[in-house]
Amino acid sequence: MVKEFRFRGYTLEQLKKMSLEEFSKLLTSRERRHLKRGLTEQEKKLLENIKKNPEKFHKTHVRNMIILPQMIGAKIGVYCGGAKAEEGQQAKESEKWVPITITPEMLGHRLGEFSITTKYVKHSAPGLGATRGSKFYASKT
């Protein structure tokens, strides 16, 4: 038997029927304060686009948007700044947006939490002049 999803004791249907103020009472203080101040114009525009066409892939730069119950099931591309590009190369247009499908477990988090902006650093052997002993390595191999 599949376990039914609940967020702070409420089912998904109950959460979708709640107003923004009622839902904000279930969140942590930082998210509650963000919603209390109201949504920005960009956040409102993104919500409207998701409501109009929930099946479409929506690209956005609004990384600090809090995931609301109305957004569940939407496919969103969150901007990551092209961090996935190799050093010294330009990022492809498709690499700048990380595709995310909103699930119920993401409620109350921000979109930017699911789109990492920094590239993982891989270190190799030390370069010339890095240590006293490395100056004796042949520079041309």
N, C-alpha and C. Protein backbone atom coordinates (compact mmCIF):
# COMPACT_ATOMS: atom_id res chain seq x y z
N MET A 1 0.84 -1.18 0.00
CA MET A 1 0.00 0.00 0.00
C MET A 1 0.88 1.24 0.00
N VAL A 2 0.55 2.20 -0.85
CA VAL A 2 1.33 3.42 -0.99
C VAL A 2 0.96 4.38 0.14
N LYS A 3 1.99 4.92 0.76
CA LYS A 3 1.76 5.86 1.85
C LYS A 3 1.35 7.22 1.29
N GLU A 4 0.30 7.82 1.86
CA GLU A 4 -0.20 9.10 1.40
C GLU A 4 0.71 10.22 1.89
N PHE A 5 1.01 11.18 1.00
CA PHE A 5 1.87 12.29 1.37
C PHE A 5 1.13 13.25 2.29
N ARG A 6 1.84 13.68 3.34
CA ARG A 6 1.30 14.68 4.26
C ARG A 6 2.39 15.70 4.56
N PHE A 7 2.00 16.98 4.60
CA PHE A 7 2.90 18.07 4.96
C PHE A 7 2.37 18.71 6.22
N ARG A 8 3.07 18.50 7.32
CA ARG A 8 2.67 19.01 8.64
C ARG A 8 1.24 18.61 8.99
N GLY A 9 0.86 17.38 8.61
CA GLY A 9 -0.45 16.84 8.96
C GLY A 9 -1.54 17.10 7.94
N TYR A 10 -1.26 17.81 6.87
CA TYR A 10 -2.26 18.13 5.86
C TYR A 10 -2.00 17.33 4.59
N THR A 11 -3.06 16.89 3.94
CA THR A 11 -2.92 16.17 2.67
C THR A 11 -2.68 17.17 1.55
N LEU A 12 -2.32 16.67 0.39
CA LEU A 12 -2.01 17.53 -0.75
C LEU A 12 -3.25 18.29 -1.21
N GLU A 13 -4.42 17.65 -1.18
CA GLU A 13 -5.65 18.32 -1.59
C GLU A 13 -5.98 19.47 -0.65
N GLN A 14 -5.77 19.25 0.67
CA GLN A 14 -6.04 20.31 1.64
C GLN A 14 -5.08 21.48 1.45
N LEU A 15 -3.83 21.16 1.12
CA LEU A 15 -2.83 22.22 0.92
C LEU A 15 -3.17 23.07 -0.30
N LYS A 16 -3.65 22.44 -1.37
CA LYS A 16 -3.97 23.17 -2.59
C LYS A 16 -5.18 24.09 -2.39
N LYS A 17 -6.07 23.74 -1.47
CA LYS A 17 -7.25 24.57 -1.19
C LYS A 17 -6.93 25.74 -0.26
N MET A 18 -5.80 25.69 0.44
CA MET A 18 -5.42 26.74 1.40
C MET A 18 -5.06 28.04 0.67
N SER A 19 -5.28 29.14 1.37
CA SER A 19 -4.80 30.42 0.86
C SER A 19 -3.30 30.52 1.14
N LEU A 20 -2.67 31.53 0.57
CA LEU A 20 -1.23 31.73 0.74
C LEU A 20 -0.90 32.02 2.21
N GLU A 21 -1.77 32.77 2.89
CA GLU A 21 -1.55 33.10 4.31
C GLU A 21 -1.64 31.86 5.19
N GLU A 22 -2.62 31.01 4.91
CA GLU A 22 -2.77 29.79 5.71
C GLU A 22 -1.58 28.85 5.50
N PHE A 23 -1.12 28.75 4.24
CA PHE A 23 0.01 27.88 3.96
C PHE A 23 1.29 28.41 4.59
N SER A 24 1.44 29.74 4.62
CA SER A 24 2.66 30.32 5.18
C SER A 24 2.79 30.03 6.67
N LYS A 25 1.68 29.81 7.36
CA LYS A 25 1.74 29.49 8.79
C LYS A 25 2.36 28.12 9.05
N LEU A 26 2.39 27.27 8.03
CA LEU A 26 2.98 25.93 8.17
C LEU A 26 4.48 25.92 7.91
N LEU A 27 5.03 27.02 7.39
CA LEU A 27 6.43 27.07 6.99
C LEU A 27 7.31 27.59 8.11
N THR A 28 8.62 27.55 7.86
CA THR A 28 9.57 28.08 8.83
C THR A 28 9.51 29.61 8.81
N SER A 29 10.12 30.24 9.79
CA SER A 29 9.99 31.70 9.95
C SER A 29 10.55 32.47 8.76
N ARG A 30 11.65 31.99 8.18
CA ARG A 30 12.25 32.71 7.05
C ARG A 30 11.32 32.70 5.84
N GLU A 31 10.75 31.55 5.53
CA GLU A 31 9.83 31.44 4.40
C GLU A 31 8.52 32.18 4.69
N ARG A 32 8.06 32.13 5.94
CA ARG A 32 6.84 32.82 6.32
C ARG A 32 7.00 34.34 6.15
N ARG A 33 8.16 34.84 6.53
CA ARG A 33 8.44 36.27 6.39
C ARG A 33 8.49 36.67 4.91
N HIS A 34 9.09 35.83 4.09
CA HIS A 34 9.16 36.10 2.64
C HIS A 34 7.76 36.20 2.04
N LEU A 35 6.89 35.26 2.40
CA LEU A 35 5.53 35.27 1.85
C LEU A 35 4.68 36.40 2.45
N LYS A 36 4.95 36.76 3.69
CA LYS A 36 4.19 37.83 4.35
C LYS A 36 4.44 39.17 3.63
N ARG A 37 5.64 39.38 3.15
CA ARG A 37 5.97 40.61 2.43
C ARG A 37 5.37 40.65 1.04
N GLY A 38 4.88 39.52 0.58
CA GLY A 38 4.23 39.46 -0.73
C GLY A 38 5.18 38.95 -1.79
N LEU A 39 4.61 38.41 -2.85
CA LEU A 39 5.41 37.89 -3.95
C LEU A 39 5.88 39.04 -4.83
N THR A 40 7.07 38.91 -5.38
CA THR A 40 7.58 39.92 -6.30
C THR A 40 6.86 39.77 -7.65
N GLU A 41 7.07 40.74 -8.53
CA GLU A 41 6.44 40.69 -9.85
C GLU A 41 6.89 39.46 -10.64
N GLN A 42 8.17 39.13 -10.56
CA GLN A 42 8.69 37.96 -11.27
C GLN A 42 8.06 36.68 -10.73
N GLU A 43 7.91 36.58 -9.40
CA GLU A 43 7.32 35.39 -8.80
C GLU A 43 5.85 35.26 -9.19
N LYS A 44 5.12 36.39 -9.21
CA LYS A 44 3.72 36.37 -9.62
C LYS A 44 3.58 35.92 -11.07
N LYS A 45 4.48 36.43 -11.93
CA LYS A 45 4.44 36.08 -13.35
C LYS A 45 4.69 34.58 -13.54
N LEU A 46 5.67 34.03 -12.80
CA LEU A 46 5.96 32.60 -12.89
C LEU A 46 4.76 31.77 -12.44
N LEU A 47 4.12 32.15 -11.33
CA LEU A 47 2.94 31.42 -10.84
C LEU A 47 1.80 31.46 -11.87
N GLU A 48 1.58 32.63 -12.49
CA GLU A 48 0.53 32.74 -13.49
C GLU A 48 0.81 31.84 -14.69
N ASN A 49 2.07 31.81 -15.14
CA ASN A 49 2.45 30.97 -16.27
C ASN A 49 2.26 29.49 -15.95
N ILE A 50 2.58 29.11 -14.73
CA ILE A 50 2.40 27.71 -14.32
C ILE A 50 0.92 27.35 -14.27
N LYS A 51 0.08 28.27 -13.77
CA LYS A 51 -1.36 28.01 -13.71
C LYS A 51 -1.97 27.92 -15.10
N LYS A 52 -1.50 28.80 -16.04
CA LYS A 52 -2.04 28.79 -17.40
C LYS A 52 -1.70 27.51 -18.14
N ASN A 53 -0.43 27.10 -18.06
CA ASN A 53 0.03 25.95 -18.82
C ASN A 53 0.93 25.09 -17.94
N PRO A 54 0.34 24.21 -17.11
CA PRO A 54 1.14 23.42 -16.15
C PRO A 54 2.03 22.36 -16.80
N GLU A 55 1.73 21.96 -18.04
CA GLU A 55 2.52 20.91 -18.70
C GLU A 55 3.77 21.46 -19.39
N LYS A 56 3.80 22.76 -19.63
CA LYS A 56 4.90 23.38 -20.36
C LYS A 56 6.15 23.47 -19.47
N PHE A 57 7.33 23.51 -20.11
CA PHE A 57 8.60 23.68 -19.41
C PHE A 57 8.83 25.18 -19.24
N HIS A 58 8.91 25.66 -18.00
CA HIS A 58 9.05 27.08 -17.70
C HIS A 58 10.48 27.37 -17.26
N LYS A 59 11.16 28.28 -17.97
CA LYS A 59 12.51 28.70 -17.57
C LYS A 59 12.38 29.93 -16.67
N THR A 60 13.21 29.99 -15.62
CA THR A 60 13.12 31.13 -14.70
C THR A 60 14.47 31.45 -14.08
N HIS A 61 14.64 32.71 -13.73
CA HIS A 61 15.81 33.17 -12.99
C HIS A 61 15.48 33.35 -11.51
N VAL A 62 14.23 33.16 -11.13
CA VAL A 62 13.77 33.41 -9.76
C VAL A 62 14.15 32.22 -8.88
N ARG A 63 15.38 32.26 -8.37
CA ARG A 63 15.89 31.15 -7.56
C ARG A 63 15.37 31.20 -6.12
N ASN A 64 14.96 32.37 -5.64
CA ASN A 64 14.51 32.48 -4.26
C ASN A 64 13.01 32.29 -4.08
N MET A 65 12.35 31.82 -5.14
CA MET A 65 10.91 31.54 -5.07
C MET A 65 10.65 30.33 -4.19
N ILE A 66 9.72 30.47 -3.26
CA ILE A 66 9.36 29.36 -2.39
C ILE A 66 8.37 28.46 -3.12
N ILE A 67 8.59 27.16 -3.03
CA ILE A 67 7.74 26.21 -3.74
C ILE A 67 6.40 26.11 -3.02
N LEU A 68 5.33 26.40 -3.75
CA LEU A 68 3.97 26.42 -3.20
C LEU A 68 3.19 25.21 -3.71
N PRO A 69 2.07 24.87 -3.05
CA PRO A 69 1.29 23.70 -3.48
C PRO A 69 0.76 23.80 -4.91
N GLN A 70 0.53 25.02 -5.41
CA GLN A 70 0.03 25.19 -6.78
C GLN A 70 1.06 24.79 -7.82
N MET A 71 2.33 24.71 -7.43
CA MET A 71 3.41 24.43 -8.37
C MET A 71 3.71 22.94 -8.52
N ILE A 72 3.09 22.09 -7.73
CA ILE A 72 3.40 20.67 -7.74
C ILE A 72 3.06 20.06 -9.10
N GLY A 73 4.01 19.32 -9.64
CA GLY A 73 3.85 18.68 -10.94
C GLY A 73 4.38 19.50 -12.10
N ALA A 74 4.72 20.76 -11.85
CA ALA A 74 5.22 21.62 -12.92
C ALA A 74 6.67 21.28 -13.26
N LYS A 75 7.01 21.51 -14.51
CA LYS A 75 8.39 21.31 -14.97
C LYS A 75 9.02 22.69 -15.11
N ILE A 76 10.08 22.93 -14.32
CA ILE A 76 10.68 24.25 -14.26
C ILE A 76 12.17 24.14 -14.53
N GLY A 77 12.69 25.06 -15.31
CA GLY A 77 14.13 25.17 -15.53
C GLY A 77 14.65 26.31 -14.68
N VAL A 78 15.50 26.00 -13.69
CA VAL A 78 16.02 27.02 -12.78
C VAL A 78 17.41 27.42 -13.24
N TYR A 79 17.64 28.70 -13.36
CA TYR A 79 18.91 29.22 -13.86
C TYR A 79 20.04 28.94 -12.87
N CYS A 80 21.16 28.42 -13.41
CA CYS A 80 22.31 28.13 -12.53
C CYS A 80 23.54 28.92 -12.96
N GLY A 81 23.42 29.79 -13.95
CA GLY A 81 24.52 30.66 -14.33
C GLY A 81 25.57 30.01 -15.19
N GLY A 82 25.30 28.87 -15.77
CA GLY A 82 26.28 28.22 -16.62
C GLY A 82 27.44 27.62 -15.87
N ALA A 83 27.23 27.24 -14.63
CA ALA A 83 28.31 26.71 -13.80
C ALA A 83 28.77 25.34 -14.25
N LYS A 84 27.98 24.66 -15.06
CA LYS A 84 28.34 23.30 -15.47
C LYS A 84 29.38 23.29 -16.59
N ALA A 85 29.70 24.45 -17.14
CA ALA A 85 30.67 24.50 -18.24
C ALA A 85 32.07 24.21 -17.72
N GLU A 86 32.87 23.59 -18.56
CA GLU A 86 34.27 23.33 -18.20
C GLU A 86 35.00 24.67 -18.13
N GLU A 87 36.09 24.67 -17.39
CA GLU A 87 36.86 25.90 -17.22
C GLU A 87 37.38 26.39 -18.57
N GLY A 88 37.22 27.68 -18.82
CA GLY A 88 37.70 28.27 -20.06
C GLY A 88 36.75 28.12 -21.24
N GLN A 89 35.60 27.48 -21.03
CA GLN A 89 34.64 27.28 -22.11
C GLN A 89 33.34 28.00 -21.78
N GLN A 90 32.63 28.37 -22.81
CA GLN A 90 31.32 28.96 -22.62
C GLN A 90 30.30 27.84 -22.37
N ALA A 91 29.34 28.11 -21.52
CA ALA A 91 28.29 27.12 -21.27
C ALA A 91 27.30 27.13 -22.43
N LYS A 92 26.83 25.94 -22.77
CA LYS A 92 25.78 25.85 -23.78
C LYS A 92 24.50 26.41 -23.19
N GLU A 93 23.62 26.85 -24.05
CA GLU A 93 22.37 27.45 -23.58
C GLU A 93 21.57 26.47 -22.73
N SER A 94 21.60 25.19 -23.09
CA SER A 94 20.81 24.20 -22.35
C SER A 94 21.41 23.89 -20.99
N GLU A 95 22.70 24.18 -20.79
CA GLU A 95 23.34 23.87 -19.51
C GLU A 95 23.09 24.94 -18.46
N LYS A 96 22.54 26.08 -18.87
CA LYS A 96 22.33 27.16 -17.92
C LYS A 96 21.09 26.98 -17.07
N TRP A 97 20.16 26.14 -17.51
CA TRP A 97 18.94 25.89 -16.75
C TRP A 97 18.91 24.43 -16.32
N VAL A 98 18.72 24.20 -15.03
CA VAL A 98 18.64 22.85 -14.50
C VAL A 98 17.17 22.44 -14.49
N PRO A 99 16.81 21.36 -15.21
CA PRO A 99 15.41 20.94 -15.24
C PRO A 99 14.98 20.30 -13.92
N ILE A 100 13.85 20.76 -13.40
CA ILE A 100 13.32 20.26 -12.13
C ILE A 100 11.84 19.97 -12.31
N THR A 101 11.38 18.84 -11.82
CA THR A 101 9.95 18.55 -11.74
C THR A 101 9.57 18.67 -10.27
N ILE A 102 8.64 19.55 -9.97
CA ILE A 102 8.27 19.83 -8.59
C ILE A 102 7.49 18.66 -8.01
N THR A 103 7.96 18.14 -6.88
CA THR A 103 7.30 17.05 -6.17
C THR A 103 6.79 17.57 -4.83
N PRO A 104 5.86 16.86 -4.20
CA PRO A 104 5.33 17.33 -2.91
C PRO A 104 6.39 17.47 -1.81
N GLU A 105 7.45 16.68 -1.88
CA GLU A 105 8.49 16.75 -0.86
C GLU A 105 9.27 18.06 -0.90
N MET A 106 9.15 18.80 -2.00
CA MET A 106 9.88 20.06 -2.17
C MET A 106 9.15 21.26 -1.56
N LEU A 107 7.94 21.07 -1.06
CA LEU A 107 7.15 22.18 -0.52
C LEU A 107 7.91 22.92 0.57
N GLY A 108 7.86 24.25 0.50
CA GLY A 108 8.50 25.08 1.52
C GLY A 108 9.96 25.36 1.25
N HIS A 109 10.57 24.65 0.29
CA HIS A 109 11.96 24.93 -0.06
C HIS A 109 11.98 25.99 -1.15
N ARG A 110 13.18 26.44 -1.49
CA ARG A 110 13.33 27.43 -2.56
C ARG A 110 13.83 26.74 -3.81
N LEU A 111 13.52 27.32 -4.97
CA LEU A 111 13.91 26.72 -6.24
C LEU A 111 15.43 26.61 -6.37
N GLY A 112 16.15 27.57 -5.85
CA GLY A 112 17.60 27.59 -5.96
C GLY A 112 18.28 26.45 -5.23
N GLU A 113 17.60 25.83 -4.28
CA GLU A 113 18.18 24.72 -3.53
C GLU A 113 18.37 23.49 -4.41
N PHE A 114 17.67 23.43 -5.52
CA PHE A 114 17.72 22.26 -6.39
C PHE A 114 18.52 22.54 -7.66
N SER A 115 19.18 23.67 -7.72
CA SER A 115 19.99 24.05 -8.88
C SER A 115 21.32 24.60 -8.37
N ILE A 116 22.35 23.77 -8.33
CA ILE A 116 23.64 24.15 -7.78
C ILE A 116 24.36 25.10 -8.74
N THR A 117 24.89 26.20 -8.23
CA THR A 117 25.54 27.19 -9.08
C THR A 117 27.05 27.01 -9.15
N THR A 118 27.63 26.27 -8.24
CA THR A 118 29.08 26.11 -8.25
C THR A 118 29.47 24.78 -8.88
N LYS A 119 30.61 24.80 -9.55
CA LYS A 119 31.11 23.61 -10.21
C LYS A 119 32.00 22.86 -9.24
N TYR A 120 31.93 21.54 -9.26
CA TYR A 120 32.76 20.72 -8.40
C TYR A 120 34.21 20.85 -8.84
N VAL A 121 35.10 21.15 -7.89
CA VAL A 121 36.50 21.36 -8.21
C VAL A 121 37.24 20.03 -8.14
N LYS A 122 37.96 19.72 -9.21
CA LYS A 122 38.76 18.50 -9.24
C LYS A 122 40.23 18.93 -9.26
N HIS A 123 40.98 18.52 -8.26
CA HIS A 123 42.39 18.86 -8.19
C HIS A 123 43.22 17.75 -8.80
N SER A 124 44.29 18.15 -9.49
CA SER A 124 45.19 17.16 -10.07
C SER A 124 46.56 17.32 -9.41
N ALA A 125 47.60 16.92 -10.09
CA ALA A 125 48.95 17.02 -9.55
C ALA A 125 49.34 18.49 -9.38
N PRO A 126 50.25 18.78 -8.45
CA PRO A 126 50.67 20.17 -8.24
C PRO A 126 51.38 20.72 -9.47
N GLY A 127 51.22 22.00 -9.73
CA GLY A 127 51.87 22.63 -10.87
C GLY A 127 53.31 22.97 -10.59
N LEU A 128 53.98 23.46 -11.60
CA LEU A 128 55.38 23.85 -11.44
C LEU A 128 55.49 24.99 -10.45
N GLY A 129 56.46 24.92 -9.56
CA GLY A 129 56.66 25.96 -8.57
C GLY A 129 55.71 25.86 -7.39
N ALA A 130 54.90 24.80 -7.31
CA ALA A 130 53.94 24.68 -6.21
C ALA A 130 54.65 24.36 -4.90
N THR A 131 55.70 23.53 -4.97
CA THR A 131 56.46 23.19 -3.76
C THR A 131 57.94 23.23 -4.11
N ARG A 132 58.76 23.14 -3.10
CA ARG A 132 60.21 23.14 -3.33
C ARG A 132 60.64 21.93 -4.15
N GLY A 133 60.05 20.77 -3.89
CA GLY A 133 60.44 19.56 -4.59
C GLY A 133 59.98 19.51 -6.03
N SER A 134 58.92 20.27 -6.37
CA SER A 134 58.39 20.19 -7.73
C SER A 134 59.26 20.91 -8.75
N LYS A 135 60.22 21.73 -8.31
CA LYS A 135 61.05 22.43 -9.29
C LYS A 135 62.03 21.50 -9.99
N PHE A 136 62.17 20.27 -9.48
CA PHE A 136 63.09 19.32 -10.11
C PHE A 136 62.38 18.43 -11.11
N TYR A 137 61.05 18.55 -11.26
CA TYR A 137 60.33 17.78 -12.27
C TYR A 137 60.60 18.40 -13.63
N ALA A 138 60.69 17.56 -14.65
CA ALA A 138 60.88 18.06 -15.99
C ALA A 138 59.63 18.77 -16.45
N SER A 139 59.79 19.97 -17.00
CA SER A 139 58.61 20.73 -17.43
C SER A 139 58.07 20.21 -18.76
N LYS A 140 58.96 19.62 -19.59
CA LYS A 140 58.52 19.05 -20.86
C LYS A 140 58.64 17.55 -20.76
N THR A 141 57.56 16.87 -20.99
CA THR A 141 57.58 15.42 -20.89
C THR A 141 57.40 14.77 -22.22
